[in-house]
């Protein structure tokens, strides 16, 4: 890839503009942003897995009620 993932990820995630990052952010700000985005991704993944598990559990419960 020919783009800086470290710089562009916050832009693509709509956290900040490239201009804001270039003019005002420090390397620590970028690192903190990536850490927060990673945490958000982890929470979203956990939420989706849990929602899928509950959906399957509910479907099994409904199936059992129909018997």
N, C-alpha and C. Protein backbone atom coordinates (compact mmCIF):
# COMPACT_ATOMS: atom_id res chain seq x y z
N UNK A 1 0.83 -1.18 0.00
CA UNK A 1 0.00 0.00 0.00
C UNK A 1 0.87 1.24 0.00
N UNK A 2 0.36 2.25 -0.62
CA UNK A 2 1.13 3.49 -0.71
C UNK A 2 0.49 4.60 0.12
N UNK A 3 -0.29 4.24 1.14
CA UNK A 3 -0.85 5.25 2.03
C UNK A 3 -0.43 4.95 3.45
N UNK A 4 -0.42 5.98 4.27
CA UNK A 4 -0.06 5.81 5.67
C UNK A 4 -1.31 5.45 6.46
N UNK A 5 -1.42 4.17 6.77
CA UNK A 5 -2.58 3.67 7.53
C UNK A 5 -2.69 4.41 8.85
N UNK A 6 -1.57 4.68 9.48
CA UNK A 6 -1.55 5.33 10.78
C UNK A 6 -2.18 6.71 10.70
N UNK A 7 -1.96 7.40 9.59
CA UNK A 7 -2.51 8.74 9.42
C UNK A 7 -3.92 8.71 8.83
N UNK A 8 -4.18 7.79 7.92
CA UNK A 8 -5.45 7.79 7.21
C UNK A 8 -6.59 7.07 7.92
N UNK A 9 -6.30 6.16 8.82
CA UNK A 9 -7.39 5.45 9.50
C UNK A 9 -8.33 6.41 10.24
N UNK A 10 -7.82 7.37 11.02
CA UNK A 10 -8.74 8.30 11.66
C UNK A 10 -9.57 9.12 10.67
N UNK A 11 -8.99 9.41 9.53
CA UNK A 11 -9.73 10.15 8.50
C UNK A 11 -10.83 9.27 7.92
N UNK A 12 -10.50 8.03 7.57
CA UNK A 12 -11.48 7.12 7.00
C UNK A 12 -12.58 6.75 7.99
N UNK A 13 -12.25 6.77 9.28
CA UNK A 13 -13.24 6.48 10.32
C UNK A 13 -14.01 7.74 10.71
N UNK A 14 -13.70 8.85 10.04
CA UNK A 14 -14.35 10.15 10.24
C UNK A 14 -14.18 10.68 11.66
N UNK A 15 -13.00 10.46 12.21
CA UNK A 15 -12.66 11.00 13.52
C UNK A 15 -12.12 12.42 13.38
N UNK A 16 -11.35 12.64 12.33
CA UNK A 16 -10.73 13.94 12.09
C UNK A 16 -10.42 14.08 10.61
N UNK A 17 -10.17 15.29 10.20
CA UNK A 17 -9.75 15.51 8.81
C UNK A 17 -8.23 15.36 8.72
N UNK A 18 -7.76 15.14 7.53
CA UNK A 18 -6.31 15.05 7.32
C UNK A 18 -5.64 16.36 7.71
N UNK A 19 -6.30 17.47 7.43
CA UNK A 19 -5.76 18.78 7.78
C UNK A 19 -5.62 18.92 9.30
N UNK A 20 -6.64 18.49 10.04
CA UNK A 20 -6.58 18.55 11.51
C UNK A 20 -5.43 17.70 12.04
N UNK A 21 -5.31 16.50 11.50
CA UNK A 21 -4.25 15.60 11.95
C UNK A 21 -2.88 16.19 11.65
N UNK A 22 -2.73 16.69 10.44
CA UNK A 22 -1.43 17.25 10.04
C UNK A 22 -1.06 18.49 10.84
N UNK A 23 -2.06 19.34 11.13
CA UNK A 23 -1.76 20.62 11.76
C UNK A 23 -1.77 20.60 13.29
N UNK A 24 -2.54 19.70 13.89
CA UNK A 24 -2.76 19.81 15.33
C UNK A 24 -2.44 18.57 16.15
N UNK A 25 -2.39 17.41 15.55
CA UNK A 25 -2.22 16.17 16.31
C UNK A 25 -0.75 15.84 16.49
N UNK A 26 -0.46 15.23 17.63
CA UNK A 26 0.88 14.71 17.87
C UNK A 26 0.87 13.21 17.55
N UNK A 27 2.02 12.61 17.56
CA UNK A 27 2.11 11.17 17.33
C UNK A 27 1.38 10.43 18.45
N UNK A 28 1.41 10.99 19.66
CA UNK A 28 0.68 10.38 20.78
C UNK A 28 -0.83 10.47 20.56
N UNK A 29 -1.29 11.57 20.00
CA UNK A 29 -2.72 11.69 19.68
C UNK A 29 -3.13 10.61 18.68
N UNK A 30 -2.30 10.40 17.68
CA UNK A 30 -2.59 9.36 16.69
C UNK A 30 -2.60 7.97 17.32
N UNK A 31 -1.63 7.72 18.19
CA UNK A 31 -1.57 6.41 18.86
C UNK A 31 -2.81 6.21 19.73
N UNK A 32 -3.22 7.24 20.46
CA UNK A 32 -4.42 7.15 21.30
C UNK A 32 -5.66 6.91 20.45
N UNK A 33 -5.73 7.58 19.32
CA UNK A 33 -6.87 7.40 18.42
C UNK A 33 -6.93 5.96 17.93
N UNK A 34 -5.81 5.41 17.53
CA UNK A 34 -5.79 4.02 17.06
C UNK A 34 -6.18 3.06 18.18
N UNK A 35 -5.73 3.34 19.39
CA UNK A 35 -6.08 2.49 20.52
C UNK A 35 -7.60 2.54 20.76
N UNK A 36 -8.17 3.73 20.70
CA UNK A 36 -9.62 3.87 20.88
C UNK A 36 -10.40 3.19 19.75
N UNK A 37 -9.93 3.33 18.52
CA UNK A 37 -10.60 2.69 17.38
C UNK A 37 -10.50 1.17 17.49
N UNK A 38 -9.34 0.67 17.93
CA UNK A 38 -9.20 -0.78 18.14
C UNK A 38 -10.17 -1.28 19.20
N UNK A 39 -10.31 -0.51 20.28
CA UNK A 39 -11.24 -0.88 21.34
C UNK A 39 -12.67 -0.89 20.81
N UNK A 40 -13.04 0.12 20.03
CA UNK A 40 -14.38 0.16 19.45
C UNK A 40 -14.63 -1.04 18.54
N UNK A 41 -13.63 -1.40 17.74
CA UNK A 41 -13.76 -2.57 16.86
C UNK A 41 -13.96 -3.84 17.68
N UNK A 42 -13.23 -3.94 18.77
CA UNK A 42 -13.33 -5.11 19.63
C UNK A 42 -14.72 -5.20 20.27
N UNK A 43 -15.23 -4.09 20.74
CA UNK A 43 -16.56 -4.05 21.35
C UNK A 43 -17.62 -4.40 20.32
N UNK A 44 -17.50 -3.85 19.12
CA UNK A 44 -18.46 -4.16 18.04
C UNK A 44 -18.44 -5.64 17.71
N UNK A 45 -17.26 -6.22 17.62
CA UNK A 45 -17.15 -7.65 17.31
C UNK A 45 -17.80 -8.48 18.40
N UNK A 46 -17.54 -8.12 19.66
CA UNK A 46 -18.15 -8.85 20.78
C UNK A 46 -19.66 -8.71 20.74
N UNK A 47 -20.16 -7.51 20.47
CA UNK A 47 -21.60 -7.27 20.41
C UNK A 47 -22.24 -8.13 19.32
N UNK A 48 -21.62 -8.18 18.17
CA UNK A 48 -22.19 -8.96 17.07
C UNK A 48 -22.18 -10.46 17.39
N UNK A 49 -21.13 -10.95 18.01
CA UNK A 49 -21.09 -12.36 18.40
C UNK A 49 -22.17 -12.66 19.44
N UNK A 50 -22.33 -11.77 20.40
CA UNK A 50 -23.34 -11.97 21.44
C UNK A 50 -24.75 -11.89 20.85
N UNK A 51 -24.98 -10.95 19.95
CA UNK A 51 -26.29 -10.83 19.30
C UNK A 51 -26.61 -12.09 18.49
N UNK A 52 -25.60 -12.61 17.81
CA UNK A 52 -25.79 -13.85 17.04
C UNK A 52 -26.11 -15.02 17.96
N UNK A 53 -25.41 -15.11 19.09
CA UNK A 53 -25.65 -16.18 20.05
C UNK A 53 -27.07 -16.09 20.61
N UNK A 54 -27.50 -14.89 20.97
CA UNK A 54 -28.84 -14.71 21.51
C UNK A 54 -29.91 -15.01 20.47
N UNK A 55 -29.64 -14.65 19.23
CA UNK A 55 -30.59 -14.92 18.15
C UNK A 55 -30.77 -16.43 17.96
N UNK A 56 -29.66 -17.16 17.98
CA UNK A 56 -29.73 -18.62 17.86
C UNK A 56 -30.46 -19.23 19.05
N UNK A 57 -30.18 -18.71 20.23
CA UNK A 57 -30.83 -19.21 21.44
C UNK A 57 -32.35 -18.95 21.37
N UNK A 58 -32.73 -17.79 20.90
CA UNK A 58 -34.14 -17.45 20.77
C UNK A 58 -34.82 -18.36 19.73
N UNK A 59 -34.14 -18.61 18.63
CA UNK A 59 -34.70 -19.48 17.59
C UNK A 59 -34.91 -20.90 18.13
N UNK A 60 -33.94 -21.39 18.92
CA UNK A 60 -34.08 -22.71 19.52
C UNK A 60 -35.24 -22.74 20.51
N UNK A 61 -35.41 -21.68 21.25
CA UNK A 61 -36.50 -21.58 22.22
C UNK A 61 -37.87 -21.61 21.50
N UNK A 62 -37.98 -20.86 20.42
CA UNK A 62 -39.22 -20.83 19.64
C UNK A 62 -39.49 -22.20 19.04
N UNK A 63 -38.45 -22.83 18.54
CA UNK A 63 -38.59 -24.17 17.96
C UNK A 63 -39.09 -25.16 19.02
N UNK A 64 -38.55 -25.04 20.22
CA UNK A 64 -38.97 -25.94 21.31
C UNK A 64 -40.43 -25.69 21.71
N UNK A 65 -40.85 -24.46 21.65
CA UNK A 65 -42.24 -24.12 22.00
C UNK A 65 -43.23 -24.69 20.98
N UNK A 66 -42.79 -24.82 19.76
CA UNK A 66 -43.68 -25.32 18.69
C UNK A 66 -43.88 -26.82 18.77
N UNK A 67 -43.06 -27.51 19.52
CA UNK A 67 -43.15 -28.97 19.62
C UNK A 67 -44.33 -29.39 20.43
